[in-house]
Protein backbone atom coordinates (compact mmCIF):
# COMPACT_ATOMS: atom_id res chain seq x y z
CA MET A 1 0.00 0.00 0.00
CA ALA A 2 1.38 3.40 -0.96
CA GLY A 3 1.94 6.03 1.71
CA PRO A 4 0.75 9.63 1.64
CA SER A 5 1.66 11.51 -1.53
CA ARG A 6 2.41 14.84 0.16
CA ARG A 7 5.73 15.25 1.94
CA ALA A 8 6.79 18.02 4.28
CA PHE A 9 10.22 18.52 5.78
CA SER A 10 10.25 20.01 9.26
CA VAL A 11 12.50 20.72 12.22
CA SER A 12 11.99 20.62 15.95
CA VAL A 13 14.26 22.37 18.41
CA PHE A 14 14.70 21.19 21.98
CA CYS A 15 16.02 24.28 23.78
CA ARG A 16 18.07 23.55 26.89
CA HIS A 17 18.68 25.82 29.84
CA GLY A 18 19.65 24.88 33.38
CA GLY A 19 18.98 21.14 33.04
CA ALA A 20 15.54 21.54 31.46
CA VAL A 21 14.08 21.59 27.95
CA LEU A 22 11.45 23.96 26.64
CA LEU A 23 8.09 22.58 25.56
CA VAL A 24 5.32 24.83 24.27
CA HIS A 25 1.59 24.14 24.18
CA HIS A 26 0.77 24.20 20.48
CA ARG A 27 -2.38 26.26 20.05
CA ARG A 28 -3.82 24.41 17.02
CA LEU A 29 -2.78 20.86 17.98
CA GLY A 30 -3.54 21.18 21.71
CA THR A 31 -0.46 19.30 22.90
CA TRP A 32 3.02 20.02 24.27
CA LEU A 33 5.77 20.10 21.64
CA PRO A 34 9.22 21.60 21.08
CA VAL A 35 9.38 24.73 18.95
CA GLY A 36 9.74 24.09 15.25
CA GLY A 37 8.11 24.09 11.86
CA GLU A 38 8.51 23.41 8.19
CA ILE A 39 11.79 23.92 6.33
CA GLU A 40 11.43 26.71 3.78
CA PRO A 41 12.65 26.30 0.19
CA GLY A 42 16.43 26.76 -0.02
CA GLU A 43 17.02 26.30 3.73
CA THR A 44 19.11 23.57 5.29
CA PRO A 45 17.59 21.85 8.33
CA LEU A 46 20.04 23.71 10.63
CA GLU A 47 19.14 27.08 9.09
CA ALA A 48 15.45 26.28 9.58
CA ALA A 49 16.09 25.26 13.20
CA ARG A 50 17.84 28.57 13.93
CA ARG A 51 15.03 30.54 12.24
CA GLU A 52 12.20 28.64 13.98
CA LEU A 53 13.90 29.05 17.37
CA ARG A 54 14.21 32.81 16.84
CA GLU A 55 10.67 33.22 15.41
CA GLU A 56 8.91 31.19 18.10
CA THR A 57 10.88 32.24 21.19
CA GLY A 58 12.97 35.30 20.36
CA LEU A 59 16.05 33.33 21.48
CA GLU A 60 19.31 32.52 19.73
CA GLY A 61 20.77 29.10 20.43
CA ALA A 62 24.14 27.40 20.44
CA PHE A 63 23.80 24.13 18.54
CA PRO A 64 26.46 21.74 19.91
CA ASP A 65 28.99 20.20 17.51
CA ARG A 66 30.04 16.56 17.31
CA LEU A 67 26.81 14.90 18.44
CA GLY A 68 26.73 12.56 15.46
CA VAL A 69 28.99 11.27 12.76
CA THR A 70 31.27 13.56 10.74
CA GLY A 71 29.18 15.73 8.46
CA THR A 72 26.12 15.73 10.71
CA PRO A 73 24.71 19.25 11.25
CA SER A 74 25.47 20.82 14.64
CA GLY A 75 22.85 19.96 17.24
CA LEU A 76 21.14 17.17 15.28
CA ILE A 77 19.92 14.53 17.74
CA GLY A 78 17.45 12.59 15.65
CA TYR A 79 15.15 12.13 12.72
CA GLU A 80 11.61 10.88 12.78
CA GLU A 81 8.58 10.66 10.53
CA HIS A 82 4.94 11.16 11.40
CA LEU A 83 1.66 11.67 9.58
CA ALA A 84 0.40 15.24 9.82
CA GLY A 85 -3.15 15.12 8.48
CA SER A 86 -3.61 17.01 5.20
CA LYS A 87 0.09 17.93 5.22
CA GLY A 88 0.95 14.29 4.57
CA LEU A 89 4.16 12.76 5.86
CA HIS A 90 6.33 15.05 8.00
CA MET A 91 9.99 14.14 7.87
CA ASN A 92 11.35 15.86 10.94
CA PHE A 93 14.93 16.72 11.89
CA ALA A 94 15.27 17.12 15.67
CA PHE A 95 17.88 19.49 17.09
CA VAL A 96 19.12 20.54 20.51
CA ALA A 97 20.15 24.13 21.22
CA ASP A 98 21.51 25.68 24.39
CA VAL A 99 19.97 29.07 25.16
CA ALA A 100 21.25 31.72 27.58
CA SER A 101 17.85 32.73 28.97
CA ARG A 102 14.35 31.47 29.72
CA ASP A 103 12.82 34.80 28.72
CA LEU A 104 10.57 34.01 25.77
CA ALA A 105 8.95 36.33 23.26
CA ALA A 106 5.25 35.61 22.72
CA CYS A 107 4.28 33.64 19.61
CA ASP A 108 0.87 33.08 18.00
CA GLU A 109 1.62 29.38 17.52
CA TRP A 110 1.67 28.51 21.22
CA ASP A 111 -0.37 29.50 24.25
CA GLY A 112 1.80 28.14 27.05
CA ALA A 113 5.43 27.32 27.74
CA ARG A 114 7.21 25.27 30.36
CA TRP A 115 10.75 24.24 31.10
CA VAL A 116 10.80 20.53 31.94
CA GLU A 117 13.51 18.53 33.67
CA GLU A 118 13.94 14.86 32.83
CA ALA A 119 12.08 13.71 35.95
CA GLY A 120 9.02 15.71 34.87
CA LEU A 121 8.78 14.50 31.28
CA ASP A 122 6.41 11.64 32.11
CA LEU A 123 3.97 14.17 33.60
CA VAL A 124 3.67 16.23 30.40
CA ASP A 125 0.87 15.46 27.93
CA CYS A 126 2.99 15.13 24.80
CA PRO A 127 3.56 12.51 22.11
CA ALA A 128 5.92 9.64 23.00
CA ASN A 129 8.46 10.68 20.34
CA VAL A 130 8.66 14.16 21.90
CA ARG A 131 9.35 12.65 25.32
CA GLU A 132 12.04 10.36 23.86
CA LEU A 133 13.74 13.19 21.93
CA ALA A 134 13.59 15.48 24.97
CA ARG A 135 15.46 12.83 26.97
CA LEU A 136 18.08 12.58 24.21
CA ALA A 137 18.40 16.38 24.20
CA LEU A 138 18.95 16.50 27.95
CA GLY A 139 21.63 13.80 27.72
CA ALA A 140 23.43 15.19 24.67
CA ALA A 141 26.91 16.62 25.14
CA PRO A 142 26.99 20.38 25.84
């Protein structure tokens, strides 16, 4: 059986600060997710991650080097695929970024934000892949 015909490439960014990761309550989807969004034409995944982080939080991040094999973009901690309704198959590049502050700029895409330590991840109503990637982000080298 053939899969969905539409494909969308996206990024998610797990911001770290003080032993916690940022999750935002996505207004349209009604669940807790990292910041992120679709990769725009001509962007690399890392460029999209930097842009989405800035657009959705007002923060700049340091994306750690040497988390993967040689040639892997800085901060890349994983890749996953998920169906996204009419958008088809989302192919998502997950990044970790260290930020210097927890002061967030408001964004229309989310209506709540929380910094979550590893012990609190099981208490957050988020998809299993988000929980798993958040744990990877917290354990990734600085």
